[in-house]
């Protein structure tokens, strides 16, 4: 078996990254499908769009997971806050449509 050239190694790594990116997109789509259902449930039952106590628990949980995975916990929290802001916007729009 011959060793790969740097270009071949780079191509393989980039292919793996592309596959991971595709998986992330699909996972985010599924996450938003679930949060849309949550938004409908909240709107039907006149529940608030956001749940600050759950968000606080989730941040702590994700920061711990990030540390265990050797990922910057600050990055994980920023990502979560970005996603939650989008979810809350969706929930607010769903409630306004009812």
PDB file of N, CA and C in Angstrom:
ATOM      1  N   UNK A   1       0.852  -1.186   0.000  1.00  0.00           N
ATOM      2  CA  UNK A   1       0.000   0.000   0.000  1.00  0.00           C
ATOM      3  C   UNK A   1       0.888   1.237   0.000  1.00  0.00           C
ATOM      4  N   UNK A   2       0.623   2.151  -0.906  1.00  0.00           N
ATOM      5  CA  UNK A   2       1.438   3.352  -1.010  1.00  0.00           C
ATOM      6  C   UNK A   2       0.869   4.452  -0.122  1.00  0.00           C
ATOM      7  N   UNK A   3       1.748   5.297   0.328  1.00  0.00           N
ATOM      8  CA  UNK A   3       1.313   6.452   1.115  1.00  0.00           C
ATOM      9  C   UNK A   3       0.622   7.458   0.214  1.00  0.00           C
ATOM     10  N   UNK A   4      -0.334   8.148   0.775  1.00  0.00           N
ATOM     11  CA  UNK A   4      -1.050   9.176   0.014  1.00  0.00           C
ATOM     12  C   UNK A   4      -0.202  10.441  -0.079  1.00  0.00           C
ATOM     13  N   UNK A   5      -0.366  11.121  -1.180  1.00  0.00           N
ATOM     14  CA  UNK A   5       0.293  12.415  -1.318  1.00  0.00           C
ATOM     15  C   UNK A   5      -0.455  13.427  -0.450  1.00  0.00           C
ATOM     16  N   UNK A   6       0.163  14.555  -0.153  1.00  0.00           N
ATOM     17  CA  UNK A   6      -0.551  15.582   0.612  1.00  0.00           C
ATOM     18  C   UNK A   6      -1.854  16.013  -0.057  1.00  0.00           C
ATOM     19  N   UNK A   7      -1.860  16.098  -1.370  1.00  0.00           N
ATOM     20  CA  UNK A   7      -3.077  16.500  -2.090  1.00  0.00           C
ATOM     21  C   UNK A   7      -4.159  15.436  -1.934  1.00  0.00           C
ATOM     22  N   UNK A   8      -3.782  14.168  -2.010  1.00  0.00           N
ATOM     23  CA  UNK A   8      -4.751  13.088  -1.831  1.00  0.00           C
ATOM     24  C   UNK A   8      -5.299  13.073  -0.404  1.00  0.00           C
ATOM     25  N   UNK A   9      -4.424  13.293   0.561  1.00  0.00           N
ATOM     26  CA  UNK A   9      -4.876  13.360   1.964  1.00  0.00           C
ATOM     27  C   UNK A   9      -5.845  14.524   2.152  1.00  0.00           C
ATOM     28  N   UNK A  10      -5.508  15.677   1.559  1.00  0.00           N
ATOM     29  CA  UNK A  10      -6.368  16.850   1.646  1.00  0.00           C
ATOM     30  C   UNK A  10      -7.729  16.561   1.021  1.00  0.00           C
ATOM     31  N   UNK A  11      -7.736  15.920  -0.128  1.00  0.00           N
ATOM     32  CA  UNK A  11      -8.995  15.571  -0.795  1.00  0.00           C
ATOM     33  C   UNK A  11      -9.840  14.639   0.071  1.00  0.00           C
ATOM     34  N   UNK A  12      -9.210  13.666   0.701  1.00  0.00           N
ATOM     35  CA  UNK A  12      -9.947  12.737   1.571  1.00  0.00           C
ATOM     36  C   UNK A  12     -10.522  13.462   2.787  1.00  0.00           C
ATOM     37  N   UNK A  13      -9.718  14.312   3.382  1.00  0.00           N
ATOM     38  CA  UNK A  13     -10.198  15.077   4.542  1.00  0.00           C
ATOM     39  C   UNK A  13     -11.356  15.982   4.148  1.00  0.00           C
ATOM     40  N   UNK A  14     -11.219  16.649   3.018  1.00  0.00           N
ATOM     41  CA  UNK A  14     -12.297  17.537   2.560  1.00  0.00           C
ATOM     42  C   UNK A  14     -13.565  16.744   2.235  1.00  0.00           C
ATOM     43  N   UNK A  15     -13.411  15.564   1.709  1.00  0.00           N
ATOM     44  CA  UNK A  15     -14.574  14.714   1.433  1.00  0.00           C
ATOM     45  C   UNK A  15     -15.281  14.351   2.742  1.00  0.00           C
ATOM     46  N   UNK A  16     -14.520  14.031   3.759  1.00  0.00           N
ATOM     47  CA  UNK A  16     -15.107  13.736   5.072  1.00  0.00           C
ATOM     48  C   UNK A  16     -15.820  14.956   5.630  1.00  0.00           C
ATOM     49  N   UNK A  17     -15.202  16.111   5.498  1.00  0.00           N
ATOM     50  CA  UNK A  17     -15.819  17.358   5.974  1.00  0.00           C
ATOM     51  C   UNK A  17     -17.127  17.605   5.234  1.00  0.00           C
ATOM     52  N   UNK A  18     -17.130  17.398   3.926  1.00  0.00           N
ATOM     53  CA  UNK A  18     -18.350  17.584   3.133  1.00  0.00           C
ATOM     54  C   UNK A  18     -19.462  16.647   3.609  1.00  0.00           C
ATOM     55  N   UNK A  19     -19.118  15.407   3.916  1.00  0.00           N
ATOM     56  CA  UNK A  19     -20.105  14.453   4.420  1.00  0.00           C
ATOM     57  C   UNK A  19     -20.648  14.887   5.776  1.00  0.00           C
ATOM     58  N   UNK A  20     -19.784  15.366   6.634  1.00  0.00           N
ATOM     59  CA  UNK A  20     -20.215  15.842   7.953  1.00  0.00           C
ATOM     60  C   UNK A  20     -21.125  17.048   7.797  1.00  0.00           C
ATOM     61  N   UNK A  21     -20.764  17.971   6.921  1.00  0.00           N
ATOM     62  CA  UNK A  21     -21.617  19.148   6.682  1.00  0.00           C
ATOM     63  C   UNK A  21     -23.000  18.726   6.205  1.00  0.00           C
ATOM     64  N   UNK A  22     -23.061  17.755   5.318  1.00  0.00           N
ATOM     65  CA  UNK A  22     -24.357  17.274   4.825  1.00  0.00           C
ATOM     66  C   UNK A  22     -25.166  16.665   5.967  1.00  0.00           C
ATOM     67  N   UNK A  23     -24.522  15.884   6.807  1.00  0.00           N
ATOM     68  CA  UNK A  23     -25.214  15.283   7.948  1.00  0.00           C
ATOM     69  C   UNK A  23     -25.729  16.365   8.899  1.00  0.00           C
ATOM     70  N   UNK A  24     -24.928  17.388   9.138  1.00  0.00           N
ATOM     71  CA  UNK A  24     -25.349  18.488  10.014  1.00  0.00           C
ATOM     72  C   UNK A  24     -26.581  19.201   9.461  1.00  0.00           C
ATOM     73  N   UNK A  25     -26.592  19.445   8.163  1.00  0.00           N
ATOM     74  CA  UNK A  25     -27.747  20.107   7.539  1.00  0.00           C
ATOM     75  C   UNK A  25     -28.998  19.262   7.728  1.00  0.00           C
ATOM     76  N   UNK A  26     -28.876  17.967   7.516  1.00  0.00           N
ATOM     77  CA  UNK A  26     -30.037  17.086   7.677  1.00  0.00           C
ATOM     78  C   UNK A  26     -30.480  17.017   9.138  1.00  0.00           C
ATOM     79  N   UNK A  27     -29.540  17.004  10.053  1.00  0.00           N
ATOM     80  CA  UNK A  27     -29.883  16.980  11.480  1.00  0.00           C
ATOM     81  C   UNK A  27     -30.552  18.284  11.902  1.00  0.00           C
ATOM     82  N   UNK A  28     -30.061  19.404  11.392  1.00  0.00           N
ATOM     83  CA  UNK A  28     -30.701  20.688  11.700  1.00  0.00           C
ATOM     84  C   UNK A  28     -32.117  20.743  11.129  1.00  0.00           C
ATOM     85  N   UNK A  29     -32.293  20.218   9.934  1.00  0.00           N
ATOM     86  CA  UNK A  29     -33.636  20.194   9.341  1.00  0.00           C
ATOM     87  C   UNK A  29     -34.582  19.383  10.216  1.00  0.00           C
ATOM     88  N   UNK A  30     -34.131  18.250  10.724  1.00  0.00           N
ATOM     89  CA  UNK A  30     -34.969  17.431  11.606  1.00  0.00           C
ATOM     90  C   UNK A  30     -35.226  18.147  12.923  1.00  0.00           C
ATOM     91  N   UNK A  31     -34.220  18.837  13.442  1.00  0.00           N
ATOM     92  CA  UNK A  31     -34.402  19.589  14.678  1.00  0.00           C
ATOM     93  C   UNK A  31     -35.478  20.656  14.489  1.00  0.00           C
ATOM     94  N   UNK A  32     -35.420  21.386  13.381  1.00  0.00           N
ATOM     95  CA  UNK A  32     -36.405  22.430  13.126  1.00  0.00           C
ATOM     96  C   UNK A  32     -37.793  21.843  12.841  1.00  0.00           C
ATOM     97  N   UNK A  33     -37.856  20.656  12.270  1.00  0.00           N
ATOM     98  CA  UNK A  33     -39.148  20.009  12.096  1.00  0.00           C
ATOM     99  C   UNK A  33     -39.780  19.762  13.473  1.00  0.00           C
ATOM    100  N   UNK A  34     -38.978  19.280  14.408  1.00  0.00           N
ATOM    101  CA  UNK A  34     -39.473  19.038  15.769  1.00  0.00           C
ATOM    102  C   UNK A  34     -39.853  20.341  16.465  1.00  0.00           C
ATOM    103  N   UNK A  35     -39.029  21.371  16.307  1.00  0.00           N
ATOM    104  CA  UNK A  35     -39.344  22.632  16.984  1.00  0.00           C
ATOM    105  C   UNK A  35     -40.563  23.302  16.375  1.00  0.00           C
ATOM    106  N   UNK A  36     -40.845  23.053  15.092  1.00  0.00           N
ATOM    107  CA  UNK A  36     -42.080  23.571  14.497  1.00  0.00           C
ATOM    108  C   UNK A  36     -43.290  22.936  15.186  1.00  0.00           C
ATOM    109  N   UNK A  37     -43.205  21.645  15.454  1.00  0.00           N
ATOM    110  CA  UNK A  37     -44.286  20.969  16.173  1.00  0.00           C
ATOM    111  C   UNK A  37     -44.432  21.543  17.583  1.00  0.00           C
ATOM    112  N   UNK A  38     -43.314  21.812  18.229  1.00  0.00           N
ATOM    113  CA  UNK A  38     -43.357  22.435  19.558  1.00  0.00           C
ATOM    114  C   UNK A  38     -44.047  23.787  19.457  1.00  0.00           C
ATOM    115  N   UNK A  39     -43.718  24.563  18.427  1.00  0.00           N
ATOM    116  CA  UNK A  39     -44.332  25.871  18.228  1.00  0.00           C
ATOM    117  C   UNK A  39     -45.837  25.777  18.052  1.00  0.00           C
ATOM    118  N   UNK A  40     -46.292  24.794  17.296  1.00  0.00           N
ATOM    119  CA  UNK A  40     -47.733  24.591  17.121  1.00  0.00           C
ATOM    120  C   UNK A  40     -48.396  24.230  18.448  1.00  0.00           C
ATOM    121  N   UNK A  41     -47.776  23.331  19.175  1.00  0.00           N
ATOM    122  CA  UNK A  41     -48.313  22.925  20.476  1.00  0.00           C
ATOM    123  C   UNK A  41     -48.404  24.118  21.427  1.00  0.00           C
ATOM    124  N   UNK A  42     -47.351  24.920  21.449  1.00  0.00           N
ATOM    125  CA  UNK A  42     -47.351  26.103  22.310  1.00  0.00           C
ATOM    126  C   UNK A  42     -48.438  27.087  21.885  1.00  0.00           C
ATOM    127  N   UNK A  43     -48.570  27.305  20.584  1.00  0.00           N
ATOM    128  CA  UNK A  43     -49.578  28.256  20.096  1.00  0.00           C
ATOM    129  C   UNK A  43     -50.990  27.762  20.421  1.00  0.00           C
ATOM    130  N   UNK A  44     -51.233  26.482  20.215  1.00  0.00           N
ATOM    131  CA  UNK A  44     -52.556  25.912  20.487  1.00  0.00           C
ATOM    132  C   UNK A  44     -52.932  26.017  21.962  1.00  0.00           C
ATOM    133  N   UNK A  45     -51.929  26.019  22.826  1.00  0.00           N
ATOM    134  CA  UNK A  45     -52.175  26.033  24.265  1.00  0.00           C
ATOM    135  C   UNK A  45     -51.777  27.353  24.915  1.00  0.00           C
ATOM    136  N   UNK A  46     -51.587  28.377  24.072  1.00  0.00           N
ATOM    137  CA  UNK A  46     -51.260  29.727  24.539  1.00  0.00           C
ATOM    138  C   UNK A  46     -50.080  29.747  25.511  1.00  0.00           C
ATOM    139  N   UNK A  47     -49.049  29.006  25.146  1.00  0.00           N
ATOM    140  CA  UNK A  47     -47.822  28.948  25.942  1.00  0.00           C
ATOM    141  C   UNK A  47     -46.824  29.937  25.349  1.00  0.00           C
ATOM    142  N   UNK A  48     -45.923  30.484  26.160  1.00  0.00           N
ATOM    143  CA  UNK A  48     -44.947  31.441  25.640  1.00  0.00           C
ATOM    144  C   UNK A  48     -43.994  30.802  24.628  1.00  0.00           C
ATOM    145  N   UNK A  49     -43.516  31.626  23.704  1.00  0.00           N
ATOM    146  CA  UNK A  49     -42.618  31.144  22.651  1.00  0.00           C
ATOM    147  C   UNK A  49     -41.283  30.674  23.211  1.00  0.00           C
ATOM    148  N   UNK A  50     -40.818  31.315  24.262  1.00  0.00           N
ATOM    149  CA  UNK A  50     -39.527  30.930  24.828  1.00  0.00           C
ATOM    150  C   UNK A  50     -39.721  30.315  26.210  1.00  0.00           C
ATOM    151  N   UNK A  51     -38.722  29.543  26.611  1.00  0.00           N
ATOM    152  CA  UNK A  51     -38.720  28.895  27.923  1.00  0.00           C
ATOM    153  C   UNK A  51     -37.328  29.102  28.517  1.00  0.00           C
ATOM    154  N   UNK A  52     -37.113  30.271  29.160  1.00  0.00           N
ATOM    155  CA  UNK A  52     -35.778  30.606  29.657  1.00  0.00           C
ATOM    156  C   UNK A  52     -35.166  29.561  30.595  1.00  0.00           C
ATOM    157  N   UNK A  53     -35.965  28.918  31.425  1.00  0.00           N
ATOM    158  CA  UNK A  53     -35.384  27.927  32.340  1.00  0.00           C
ATOM    159  C   UNK A  53     -34.872  26.709  31.557  1.00  0.00           C
ATOM    160  N   UNK A  54     -35.606  26.285  30.525  1.00  0.00           N
ATOM    161  CA  UNK A  54     -35.120  25.177  29.698  1.00  0.00           C
ATOM    162  C   UNK A  54     -33.869  25.588  28.938  1.00  0.00           C
ATOM    163  N   UNK A  55     -33.862  26.812  28.423  1.00  0.00           N
ATOM    164  CA  UNK A  55     -32.693  27.273  27.685  1.00  0.00           C
ATOM    165  C   UNK A  55     -31.455  27.282  28.584  1.00  0.00           C
ATOM    166  N   UNK A  56     -31.617  27.697  29.829  1.00  0.00           N
ATOM    167  CA  UNK A  56     -30.493  27.710  30.775  1.00  0.00           C
ATOM    168  C   UNK A  56     -29.985  26.291  31.020  1.00  0.00           C
ATOM    169  N   UNK A  57     -30.912  25.353  31.207  1.00  0.00           N
ATOM    170  CA  UNK A  57     -30.518  23.947  31.413  1.00  0.00           C
ATOM    171  C   UNK A  57     -29.816  23.390  30.175  1.00  0.00           C
ATOM    172  N   UNK A  58     -30.344  23.739  29.004  1.00  0.00           N
ATOM    173  CA  UNK A  58     -29.752  23.241  27.762  1.00  0.00           C
ATOM    174  C   UNK A  58     -28.344  23.796  27.552  1.00  0.00           C
ATOM    175  N   UNK A  59     -28.156  25.056  27.866  1.00  0.00           N
ATOM    176  CA  UNK A  59     -26.821  25.651  27.720  1.00  0.00           C
ATOM    177  C   UNK A  59     -25.829  24.921  28.611  1.00  0.00           C
ATOM    178  N   UNK A  60     -26.207  24.681  29.863  1.00  0.00           N
ATOM    179  CA  UNK A  60     -25.312  23.965  30.778  1.00  0.00           C
ATOM    180  C   UNK A  60     -25.006  22.565  30.248  1.00  0.00           C
ATOM    181  N   UNK A  61     -26.041  21.884  29.748  1.00  0.00           N
ATOM    182  CA  UNK A  61     -25.857  20.535  29.217  1.00  0.00           C
ATOM    183  C   UNK A  61     -24.946  20.536  27.992  1.00  0.00           C
ATOM    184  N   UNK A  62     -25.185  21.478  27.075  1.00  0.00           N
ATOM    185  CA  UNK A  62     -24.375  21.534  25.853  1.00  0.00           C
ATOM    186  C   UNK A  62     -22.942  21.961  26.131  1.00  0.00           C
ATOM    187  N   UNK A  63     -22.750  22.840  27.090  1.00  0.00           N
ATOM    188  CA  UNK A  63     -21.383  23.235  27.456  1.00  0.00           C
ATOM    189  C   UNK A  63     -20.618  22.026  28.011  1.00  0.00           C
ATOM    190  N   UNK A  64     -21.294  21.229  28.820  1.00  0.00           N
ATOM    191  CA  UNK A  64     -20.658  20.024  29.368  1.00  0.00           C
ATOM    192  C   UNK A  64     -20.337  19.020  28.258  1.00  0.00           C
ATOM    193  N   UNK A  65     -21.294  18.820  27.351  1.00  0.00           N
ATOM    194  CA  UNK A  65     -21.052  17.930  26.212  1.00  0.00           C
ATOM    195  C   UNK A  65     -19.881  18.432  25.367  1.00  0.00           C
ATOM    196  N   UNK A  66     -19.835  19.733  25.155  1.00  0.00           N
ATOM    197  CA  UNK A  66     -18.746  20.320  24.364  1.00  0.00           C
ATOM    198  C   UNK A  66     -17.397  20.061  25.037  1.00  0.00           C
ATOM    199  N   UNK A  67     -17.342  20.286  26.334  1.00  0.00           N
ATOM    200  CA  UNK A  67     -16.085  20.035  27.053  1.00  0.00           C
ATOM    201  C   UNK A  67     -15.661  18.582  26.907  1.00  0.00           C
ATOM    202  N   UNK A  68     -16.620  17.656  27.082  1.00  0.00           N
ATOM    203  CA  UNK A  68     -16.311  16.230  26.942  1.00  0.00           C
ATOM    204  C   UNK A  68     -15.823  15.885  25.541  1.00  0.00           C
ATOM    205  N   UNK A  69     -16.323  16.611  24.541  1.00  0.00           N
ATOM    206  CA  UNK A  69     -15.949  16.359  23.141  1.00  0.00           C
ATOM    207  C   UNK A  69     -14.741  17.182  22.695  1.00  0.00           C
ATOM    208  N   UNK A  70     -14.148  17.914  23.628  1.00  0.00           N
ATOM    209  CA  UNK A  70     -13.003  18.784  23.323  1.00  0.00           C
ATOM    210  C   UNK A  70     -13.353  19.858  22.297  1.00  0.00           C
ATOM    211  N   UNK A  71     -14.574  20.385  22.442  1.00  0.00           N
ATOM    212  CA  UNK A  71     -15.056  21.494  21.623  1.00  0.00           C
ATOM    213  C   UNK A  71     -15.187  22.700  22.535  1.00  0.00           C
ATOM    214  N   UNK A  72     -14.891  23.858  22.047  1.00  0.00           N
ATOM    215  CA  UNK A  72     -14.982  25.076  22.845  1.00  0.00           C
ATOM    216  C   UNK A  72     -16.419  25.274  23.345  1.00  0.00           C
ATOM    217  N   UNK A  73     -16.637  25.263  24.668  1.00  0.00           N
ATOM    218  CA  UNK A  73     -17.985  25.452  25.207  1.00  0.00           C
ATOM    219  C   UNK A  73     -18.598  26.790  24.818  1.00  0.00           C
ATOM    220  N   UNK A  74     -17.782  27.826  24.653  1.00  0.00           N
ATOM    221  CA  UNK A  74     -18.291  29.124  24.213  1.00  0.00           C
ATOM    222  C   UNK A  74     -18.880  29.012  22.817  1.00  0.00           C
ATOM    223  N   UNK A  75     -18.216  28.276  21.949  1.00  0.00           N
ATOM    224  CA  UNK A  75     -18.727  28.067  20.598  1.00  0.00           C
ATOM    225  C   UNK A  75     -20.058  27.320  20.649  1.00  0.00           C
ATOM    226  N   UNK A  76     -20.131  26.268  21.458  1.00  0.00           N
ATOM    227  CA  UNK A  76     -21.367  25.488  21.574  1.00  0.00           C
ATOM    228  C   UNK A  76     -22.510  26.367  22.071  1.00  0.00           C
ATOM    229  N   UNK A  77     -22.222  27.233  23.035  1.00  0.00           N
ATOM    230  CA  UNK A  77     -23.261  28.120  23.554  1.00  0.00           C
ATOM    231  C   UNK A  77     -23.695  29.135  22.505  1.00  0.00           C
ATOM    232  N   UNK A  78     -22.749  29.697  21.762  1.00  0.00           N
ATOM    233  CA  UNK A  78     -23.102  30.646  20.702  1.00  0.00           C
ATOM    234  C   UNK A  78     -23.968  29.966  19.639  1.00  0.00           C
ATOM    235  N   UNK A  79     -23.602  28.749  19.263  1.00  0.00           N
ATOM    236  CA  UNK A  79     -24.391  28.011  18.279  1.00  0.00           C
ATOM    237  C   UNK A  79     -25.808  27.802  18.800  1.00  0.00           C
ATOM    238  N   UNK A  80     -25.928  27.359  20.048  1.00  0.00           N
ATOM    239  CA  UNK A  80     -27.239  27.109  20.637  1.00  0.00           C
ATOM    240  C   UNK A  80     -28.070  28.387  20.672  1.00  0.00           C
ATOM    241  N   UNK A  81     -27.474  29.480  21.112  1.00  0.00           N
ATOM    242  CA  UNK A  81     -28.204  30.749  21.177  1.00  0.00           C
ATOM    243  C   UNK A  81     -28.678  31.194  19.797  1.00  0.00           C
ATOM    244  N   UNK A  82     -27.867  30.971  18.777  1.00  0.00           N
ATOM    245  CA  UNK A  82     -28.248  31.302  17.405  1.00  0.00           C
ATOM    246  C   UNK A  82     -29.460  30.476  16.973  1.00  0.00           C
ATOM    247  N   UNK A  83     -29.416  29.174  17.238  1.00  0.00           N
ATOM    248  CA  UNK A  83     -30.516  28.284  16.855  1.00  0.00           C
ATOM    249  C   UNK A  83     -31.781  28.633  17.639  1.00  0.00           C
ATOM    250  N   UNK A  84     -31.640  28.864  18.939  1.00  0.00           N
ATOM    251  CA  UNK A  84     -32.809  29.166  19.772  1.00  0.00           C
ATOM    252  C   UNK A  84     -33.468  30.474  19.330  1.00  0.00           C
ATOM    253  N   UNK A  85     -32.677  31.453  18.954  1.00  0.00           N
ATOM    254  CA  UNK A  85     -33.256  32.714  18.477  1.00  0.00           C
ATOM    255  C   UNK A  85     -34.121  32.462  17.246  1.00  0.00           C
ATOM    256  N   UNK A  86     -33.674  31.615  16.364  1.00  0.00           N
ATOM    257  CA  UNK A  86     -34.447  31.268  15.163  1.00  0.00           C
ATOM    258  C   UNK A  86     -35.721  30.515  15.551  1.00  0.00           C
ATOM    259  N   UNK A  87     -35.602  29.593  16.476  1.00  0.00           N
ATOM    260  CA  UNK A  87     -36.754  28.811  16.931  1.00  0.00           C
ATOM    261  C   UNK A  87     -37.800  29.730  17.563  1.00  0.00           C
ATOM    262  N   UNK A  88     -37.366  30.640  18.423  1.00  0.00           N
ATOM    263  CA  UNK A  88     -38.302  31.557  19.077  1.00  0.00           C
ATOM    264  C   UNK A  88     -39.009  32.421  18.046  1.00  0.00           C
ATOM    265  N   UNK A  89     -38.272  32.857  17.029  1.00  0.00           N
ATOM    266  CA  UNK A  89     -38.892  33.638  15.954  1.00  0.00           C
ATOM    267  C   UNK A  89     -39.977  32.806  15.269  1.00  0.00           C
ATOM    268  N   UNK A  90     -39.672  31.546  14.975  1.00  0.00           N
ATOM    269  CA  UNK A  90     -40.666  30.666  14.351  1.00  0.00           C
ATOM    270  C   UNK A  90     -41.883  30.502  15.254  1.00  0.00           C
ATOM    271  N   UNK A  91     -41.657  30.287  16.546  1.00  0.00           N
ATOM    272  CA  UNK A  91     -42.765  30.095  17.485  1.00  0.00           C
ATOM    273  C   UNK A  91     -43.632  31.352  17.570  1.00  0.00           C
ATOM    274  N   UNK A  92     -42.987  32.500  17.556  1.00  0.00           N
ATOM    275  CA  UNK A  92     -43.721  33.766  17.601  1.00  0.00           C
ATOM    276  C   UNK A  92     -44.585  33.927  16.357  1.00  0.00           C
ATOM    277  N   UNK A  93     -44.029  33.578  15.192  1.00  0.00           N
ATOM    278  CA  UNK A  93     -44.783  33.673  13.940  1.00  0.00           C
ATOM    279  C   UNK A  93     -45.954  32.691  13.929  1.00  0.00           C
ATOM    280  N   UNK A  94     -45.739  31.486  14.423  1.00  0.00           N
ATOM    281  CA  UNK A  94     -46.814  30.496  14.473  1.00  0.00           C
ATOM    282  C   UNK A  94     -47.947  31.001  15.362  1.00  0.00           C
ATOM    283  N   UNK A  95     -47.588  31.533  16.522  1.00  0.00           N
ATOM    284  CA  UNK A  95     -48.602  32.051  17.458  1.00  0.00           C
ATOM    285  C   UNK A  95     -49.374  33.208  16.839  1.00  0.00           C
ATOM    286  N   UNK A  96     -48.682  34.071  16.098  1.00  0.00           N
ATOM    287  CA  UNK A  96     -49.344  35.236  15.483  1.00  0.00           C
ATOM    288  C   UNK A  96     -50.320  34.807  14.393  1.00  0.00           C
ATOM    289  N   UNK A  97     -50.057  33.677  13.751  1.00  0.00           N
ATOM    290  CA  UNK A  97     -50.938  33.178  12.698  1.00  0.00           C
ATOM    291  C   UNK A  97     -52.221  32.572  13.241  1.00  0.00           C
ATOM    292  N   UNK A  98     -52.272  32.280  14.514  1.00  0.00           N
ATOM    293  CA  UNK A  98     -53.449  31.606  15.107  1.00  0.00           C
ATOM    294  C   UNK A  98     -54.460  32.597  15.546  1.00  0.00           C
TER     295      UNK A  98
END
